[in-house]
Protein backbone atom coordinates (compact mmCIF):
# COMPACT_ATOMS: atom_id res chain seq x y z
CA MET A 1 -20.29 3.55 41.10
CA TYR A 2 -18.01 2.02 38.50
CA SER A 3 -15.23 -0.04 39.74
CA ALA A 4 -12.42 -1.31 37.49
CA ASN A 5 -11.89 -4.88 36.94
CA PRO A 6 -8.80 -5.76 39.39
CA THR A 7 -7.55 -8.20 37.14
CA ARG A 8 -7.46 -6.16 34.15
CA TYR A 9 -3.58 -6.46 33.65
CA THR A 10 -3.37 -10.10 33.40
CA GLU A 11 -4.25 -11.07 29.63
CA MET A 12 -3.05 -7.52 28.02
CA THR A 13 0.23 -7.36 26.69
CA TYR A 14 2.54 -4.22 26.59
CA ARG A 15 5.34 -3.00 24.56
CA ARG A 16 8.08 -0.42 25.28
CA CYS A 17 7.43 2.73 23.30
CA GLY A 18 10.70 3.09 21.32
CA GLN A 19 13.41 3.88 23.59
CA SER A 20 11.69 5.76 26.19
CA GLY A 21 10.19 4.37 29.57
CA ILE A 22 6.62 4.10 28.41
CA LEU A 23 4.92 0.86 27.90
CA LEU A 24 1.84 0.88 25.67
CA PRO A 25 -0.87 -1.72 25.85
CA ALA A 26 -0.55 -3.55 22.31
CA ILE A 27 -4.08 -2.46 21.41
CA SER A 28 -5.03 0.81 22.33
CA LEU A 29 -8.80 2.47 21.54
CA GLY A 30 -9.10 4.92 19.43
CA PHE A 31 -12.07 7.94 19.66
CA TRP A 32 -12.41 8.80 16.22
CA HIS A 33 -15.93 7.34 15.71
CA ASN A 34 -18.64 6.14 18.24
CA PHE A 35 -17.98 8.62 20.70
CA GLY A 36 -19.72 11.58 19.04
CA ASN A 37 -22.79 13.36 19.97
CA VAL A 38 -24.51 10.96 17.32
CA THR A 39 -23.81 8.10 19.59
CA PRO A 40 -25.45 7.16 22.85
CA GLU A 41 -23.65 8.13 25.91
CA MET A 42 -24.50 4.93 27.54
CA GLN A 43 -22.95 2.63 24.52
CA SER A 44 -19.41 5.23 24.40
CA ARG A 45 -19.18 4.64 28.13
CA ALA A 46 -19.67 0.86 28.05
CA ILE A 47 -16.82 0.50 25.42
CA VAL A 48 -14.52 2.58 27.41
CA ARG A 49 -15.22 0.53 30.63
CA ALA A 50 -14.95 -2.33 28.78
CA ALA A 51 -11.43 -1.27 27.24
CA PHE A 52 -10.03 -0.49 30.95
CA ASP A 53 -11.18 -3.82 32.60
CA ALA A 54 -9.38 -5.33 29.51
CA GLY A 55 -5.95 -3.41 30.35
CA ILE A 56 -6.25 -1.10 27.38
CA THR A 57 -4.43 1.76 29.18
CA HIS A 58 -4.42 4.40 26.20
CA PHE A 59 -7.18 6.17 24.80
CA ASP A 60 -6.42 8.09 21.35
CA LEU A 61 -8.10 11.61 20.54
CA ALA A 62 -7.84 14.51 18.50
CA ASN A 63 -9.16 18.16 18.74
CA ASN A 64 -11.83 17.36 15.95
CA TYR A 65 -13.00 13.75 16.35
CA GLY A 66 -16.59 14.00 16.76
CA PRO A 67 -18.97 14.90 15.10
CA ASP A 68 -19.22 17.39 16.38
CA PRO A 69 -15.37 18.41 16.27
CA GLY A 70 -14.62 18.33 20.14
CA ALA A 71 -17.37 16.16 21.04
CA ALA A 72 -14.94 12.94 21.93
CA GLU A 73 -12.90 14.75 24.02
CA GLN A 74 -15.62 16.23 25.81
CA ARG A 75 -17.02 12.85 26.41
CA LEU A 76 -14.10 11.29 27.77
CA GLY A 77 -13.58 14.12 29.94
CA LYS A 78 -17.09 13.12 31.20
CA PHE A 79 -16.54 9.85 31.50
CA LEU A 80 -12.86 10.53 33.27
CA HIS A 81 -14.30 12.83 35.65
CA ASP A 82 -17.56 10.32 36.64
CA ASP A 83 -15.72 6.52 36.45
CA LEU A 84 -11.89 7.03 35.95
CA SER A 85 -10.83 9.70 38.31
CA ALA A 86 -9.19 7.22 40.60
CA TYR A 87 -7.46 6.11 38.02
CA ARG A 88 -5.69 8.72 35.96
CA ASP A 89 -2.40 7.14 36.66
CA GLU A 90 -2.78 4.43 34.90
CA LEU A 91 -4.44 5.77 32.01
CA PHE A 92 -2.20 7.31 29.05
CA ILE A 93 -4.32 9.96 27.01
CA SER A 94 -3.42 10.99 23.75
CA THR A 95 -4.77 13.98 21.51
CA LYS A 96 -3.75 16.11 18.25
CA ALA A 97 -3.92 19.41 16.59
CA ALA A 98 -3.40 20.46 13.29
CA TYR A 99 -6.36 19.72 11.34
CA ASP A 100 -9.30 22.31 10.75
CA MET A 101 -10.91 22.84 14.18
CA TRP A 102 -12.62 25.89 14.29
CA ASP A 103 -13.12 29.02 11.59
CA GLY A 104 -10.65 31.83 10.94
CA PRO A 105 -6.82 31.86 10.22
CA TYR A 106 -5.53 30.18 13.45
CA GLY A 107 -8.20 27.35 13.50
CA SER A 108 -6.34 24.54 11.73
CA TRP A 109 -2.65 23.42 10.68
CA ALA A 110 0.48 23.59 12.62
CA SER A 111 1.94 27.75 13.90
CA ARG A 112 2.29 27.92 17.22
CA LYS A 113 -0.87 29.83 17.94
CA HIS A 114 -3.25 27.17 16.69
CA LEU A 115 -1.27 24.22 18.49
CA MET A 116 -1.03 26.01 21.77
CA ALA A 117 -4.81 27.25 21.70
CA SER A 118 -6.00 23.88 20.51
CA LEU A 119 -4.16 22.20 23.05
CA ASP A 120 -5.38 24.49 25.91
CA GLN A 121 -9.10 23.85 24.62
CA SER A 122 -8.42 19.97 24.59
CA LEU A 123 -7.75 20.03 28.08
CA ARG A 124 -10.68 22.06 29.06
CA ARG A 125 -13.06 19.39 27.13
CA LEU A 126 -10.81 16.66 28.86
CA GLN A 127 -11.19 18.25 32.50
CA LEU A 128 -7.41 17.55 32.59
CA ASP A 129 -4.29 19.59 33.81
CA TYR A 130 -2.62 17.54 30.87
CA VAL A 131 -2.13 15.25 28.33
CA ASP A 132 0.34 12.32 28.35
CA LEU A 133 0.74 12.71 24.75
CA PHE A 134 0.33 15.58 22.03
CA TYR A 135 0.49 15.15 18.58
CA CYS A 136 1.11 17.52 15.78
CA HIS A 137 -1.60 15.75 13.44
CA ARG A 138 -0.26 16.76 10.02
CA TYR A 139 2.82 18.21 8.85
CA ASP A 140 2.09 21.43 7.67
CA PRO A 141 4.00 22.72 4.44
CA ALA A 142 3.64 26.53 5.06
CA THR A 143 4.61 26.98 8.35
CA PRO A 144 8.38 26.66 9.30
CA LEU A 145 9.04 23.43 11.12
CA GLU A 146 11.20 25.22 13.44
CA GLU A 147 8.14 27.39 14.58
CA THR A 148 6.10 24.15 15.20
CA LEU A 149 8.87 22.10 16.75
CA GLN A 150 9.76 24.92 19.04
CA ALA A 151 5.79 25.03 20.03
CA LEU A 152 5.73 21.41 21.08
CA VAL A 153 8.61 21.62 22.88
CA ASP A 154 7.60 24.62 24.97
CA ILE A 155 4.05 22.71 25.29
CA VAL A 156 5.92 19.67 27.05
CA ARG A 157 8.37 22.48 29.02
CA GLN A 158 4.59 24.27 30.09
CA GLY A 159 3.55 20.87 31.61
CA LYS A 160 0.85 20.86 29.37
CA ALA A 161 1.55 17.16 27.44
CA LEU A 162 4.45 14.70 28.94
CA TYR A 163 5.71 13.44 25.57
CA ILE A 164 5.59 14.78 21.94
CA GLY A 165 4.70 12.85 19.02
CA LEU A 166 3.83 13.04 14.94
CA SER A 167 1.78 11.80 13.02
CA ARG A 168 1.72 11.17 9.20
CA TRP A 169 4.70 13.36 8.69
CA PRO A 170 6.57 13.04 5.49
CA TYR A 171 9.83 11.24 5.55
CA GLN A 172 12.61 14.07 5.95
CA ALA A 173 10.06 16.31 7.53
CA ALA A 174 10.01 13.51 10.68
CA GLN A 175 13.50 13.11 10.26
CA THR A 176 13.99 17.02 10.82
CA GLY A 177 11.75 16.94 13.85
CA TYR A 178 13.33 13.65 15.54
CA GLU A 179 16.80 15.85 15.25
CA TYR A 180 15.22 18.90 16.12
CA LEU A 181 12.92 17.72 19.41
CA ARG A 182 16.39 15.27 20.66
CA GLN A 183 18.48 18.30 20.68
CA HIS A 184 16.03 20.34 22.49
CA GLY A 185 15.69 17.80 25.20
CA VAL A 186 12.03 16.17 24.24
CA PRO A 187 12.74 13.37 22.40
CA CYS A 188 9.73 12.31 20.09
CA LEU A 189 8.27 9.09 22.05
CA ILE A 190 5.97 7.96 18.99
CA TYR A 191 5.26 8.15 15.15
CA GLN A 192 1.31 7.37 14.28
CA GLY A 193 0.75 6.26 10.66
CA ARG A 194 -2.22 4.11 8.36
CA LEU A 195 -0.82 0.50 8.39
CA ASN A 196 -3.11 -2.49 7.33
CA LEU A 197 -2.88 -5.42 4.67
CA PHE A 198 -4.28 -2.84 2.44
CA ASP A 199 -1.90 -0.16 3.28
CA GLN A 200 1.52 -0.65 3.81
CA ALA A 201 2.99 2.73 2.69
CA PRO A 202 4.71 2.89 6.43
CA LYS A 203 6.76 0.04 5.42
CA HIS A 204 7.45 0.65 1.89
CA GLU A 205 8.35 4.59 2.68
CA GLY A 206 10.71 3.46 5.29
CA ILE A 207 8.75 5.11 7.92
CA LEU A 208 8.95 2.18 10.36
CA ARG A 209 12.66 1.60 9.83
CA GLN A 210 13.26 5.23 10.32
CA ALA A 211 11.09 5.50 13.65
CA ALA A 212 12.79 2.62 15.01
CA GLU A 213 16.51 4.00 13.96
CA ASN A 214 15.58 7.20 15.75
CA GLY A 215 14.42 5.34 19.28
CA VAL A 216 11.17 6.65 18.43
CA GLY A 217 7.82 3.96 18.45
CA PHE A 218 5.33 3.48 15.91
CA ILE A 219 1.12 3.13 16.33
CA GLY A 220 -0.59 2.42 13.57
CA PHE A 221 -4.39 3.70 12.84
CA SER A 222 -6.94 1.94 10.47
CA PRO A 223 -6.06 -1.30 11.06
CA LEU A 224 -9.18 -2.97 9.49
CA ALA A 225 -9.05 -0.63 6.87
CA GLN A 226 -12.41 1.07 8.03
CA GLY A 227 -13.70 -2.36 8.27
CA LEU A 228 -12.56 -4.04 5.25
CA LEU A 229 -10.41 -6.60 6.82
CA THR A 230 -13.22 -7.93 8.90
CA ASN A 231 -16.24 -10.52 7.72
CA ARG A 232 -18.54 -7.52 7.16
CA TYR A 233 -18.03 -7.53 3.81
CA LEU A 234 -17.58 -11.15 2.50
CA ASN A 235 -20.52 -11.17 0.32
CA GLY A 236 -21.38 -7.22 -0.23
CA ILE A 237 -22.39 -4.25 1.62
CA PRO A 238 -24.70 -4.94 4.61
CA ALA A 239 -27.51 -2.39 5.17
CA ASP A 240 -26.67 -1.95 8.40
CA SER A 241 -22.70 -1.20 7.42
CA ARG A 242 -20.30 1.98 7.79
CA MET A 243 -19.95 1.43 3.63
CA ALA A 244 -24.03 1.83 3.42
CA HIS A 245 -24.82 4.77 5.66
CA ASP A 246 -21.95 6.55 6.24
CA PRO A 247 -19.88 6.96 2.94
CA ARG A 248 -17.57 9.67 4.21
CA PHE A 249 -14.38 7.13 4.65
CA LEU A 250 -15.74 4.42 3.03
CA HIS A 251 -17.61 4.04 0.16
CA ALA A 252 -19.37 1.30 -2.16
CA ASP A 253 -16.99 2.01 -5.24
CA MET A 254 -14.04 0.66 -2.95
CA LEU A 255 -15.25 -2.51 -2.58
CA THR A 256 -14.28 -3.44 -6.18
CA PRO A 257 -14.42 -7.39 -7.43
CA GLN A 258 -10.22 -7.17 -7.17
CA VAL A 259 -10.88 -6.05 -3.37
CA LEU A 260 -13.47 -8.61 -2.64
CA ALA A 261 -11.25 -11.22 -3.80
CA ARG A 262 -8.52 -10.08 -1.43
CA ILE A 263 -10.92 -9.94 1.48
CA ARG A 264 -12.36 -13.55 0.96
CA GLY A 265 -8.83 -14.96 0.06
CA LEU A 266 -7.08 -13.54 3.52
CA ASN A 267 -10.29 -14.56 5.17
CA ASP A 268 -9.73 -18.13 3.75
CA LEU A 269 -6.44 -17.74 5.31
CA ALA A 270 -7.69 -16.70 8.92
CA ILE A 271 -9.69 -19.70 9.19
CA GLN A 272 -6.89 -22.22 8.38
CA ARG A 273 -5.35 -20.28 11.12
CA GLY A 274 -8.11 -20.61 13.34
CA GLU A 275 -9.03 -17.39 13.63
CA SER A 276 -11.35 -14.07 12.48
CA LEU A 277 -9.82 -11.97 9.86
CA SER A 278 -9.74 -8.87 12.10
CA ALA A 279 -7.91 -10.91 14.55
CA MET A 280 -5.11 -11.92 11.96
CA ALA A 281 -5.33 -8.50 10.14
CA LEU A 282 -4.36 -6.67 14.19
CA SER A 283 -1.96 -10.05 14.50
CA TRP A 284 -0.06 -9.11 11.09
CA ILE A 285 0.82 -5.25 12.24
CA LEU A 286 2.01 -6.16 15.77
CA SER A 287 3.92 -9.05 14.11
CA HIS A 288 6.62 -6.20 12.90
CA PRO A 289 8.86 -5.64 15.69
CA GLU A 290 9.10 -1.85 14.56
CA VAL A 291 5.21 -1.54 16.14
CA THR A 292 4.47 -0.84 19.54
CA SER A 293 0.84 -0.41 19.49
CA VAL A 294 -2.42 -0.52 16.88
CA ILE A 295 -5.19 1.63 17.53
CA ILE A 296 -8.82 -0.13 17.05
CA GLY A 297 -12.33 1.54 16.67
CA ALA A 298 -14.91 -0.14 18.26
CA SER A 299 -18.92 0.31 18.30
CA SER A 300 -19.38 -2.15 21.46
CA PRO A 301 -17.78 -3.61 23.96
CA GLU A 302 -18.49 -7.15 22.34
CA GLN A 303 -16.59 -5.76 18.96
CA LEU A 304 -13.92 -4.72 21.08
CA ARG A 305 -13.65 -8.04 23.14
CA CYS A 306 -13.56 -9.56 19.37
CA ASN A 307 -10.48 -7.80 18.60
CA LEU A 308 -8.54 -8.66 21.37
CA ASP A 309 -8.26 -11.92 20.11
CA ALA A 310 -5.50 -11.00 18.33
CA LEU A 311 -3.09 -11.15 21.37
CA ALA A 312 -3.72 -14.91 21.21
CA SER A 313 -3.26 -15.16 17.63
CA PRO A 314 -0.28 -17.82 16.61
CA PRO A 315 2.90 -16.68 14.88
CA PHE A 316 2.85 -16.32 11.02
CA THR A 317 4.90 -19.01 9.46
CA PRO A 318 6.98 -18.07 6.18
CA GLU A 319 4.52 -20.19 4.06
CA GLN A 320 1.72 -17.88 5.72
CA LEU A 321 3.44 -14.71 4.95
CA SER A 322 4.32 -16.05 1.38
CA ALA A 323 0.61 -16.67 1.08
CA ILE A 324 -0.37 -13.32 2.17
CA GLU A 325 1.76 -11.39 -0.49
CA ASP A 326 0.20 -13.57 -3.01
CA ILE A 327 -3.13 -12.45 -2.15
CA LEU A 328 -2.19 -9.28 -2.12
CA GLN A 329 -0.67 -9.14 -5.54
């Protein structure tokens, strides 16, 4: 029988999410990889237990996370039932809909039909009566915004989700969403976007500032650029790396000489700061006051604990921030 670490909240940092009452851990656990059918159940369970014992209370999922689609939710549902049922009220569980999930005209995008049907399926897989946070996973240009947003409002009013989030919506659609949700008594809790040293689009496009101005939190995914911002690729492509055996999201032609030079320059700076490249990359994201949390993946408890070193990172000096900009040019 699993018994959680009684001191699990002593080392984690929690941050207020926008202008809500919710505190999220600075580092959240994502279920995009390593929680599907291709990963041994024992390995996934060990990661979840290690995360909760470290004070990570937020688990980030989506309907199609796997592989196969739905497998990550189903696996977490089993862990919740077997290990964490006594701790449900200490957990903040999020899921999403809008990407391809099932065949036919209603298995994707952001119609009322898809969002509500998908959430019902997610709840069954998770073995939950409600999720804490439900996202529209992407903007749907073909569905009227009011239809999508009203469905999100009704999902909260039905008690199937406590909060609503938007993921990867363009600037103007997000602004419309914030205003509509606020006017209908279900203010948006958080915006999820890709943010890392190599991809700073939310900063450049004004998404970070916009979220803060609307009282909305921000949570970043892919903070380590699918592993590029680690020590894995400093000397080329390891045979056991994701780039070598799973090229769906990270492939060899991404590791250009210019990218490799940037990785090595950033790694040298991290060494000067007395930390790993991954810890520095996470710390850089968390140094932005608009950011509530970053979502990390982990293939083992040991990797997860290494990422938690970012919580003890020293503040960046102006000289170090300038050096980062020079390296990334």
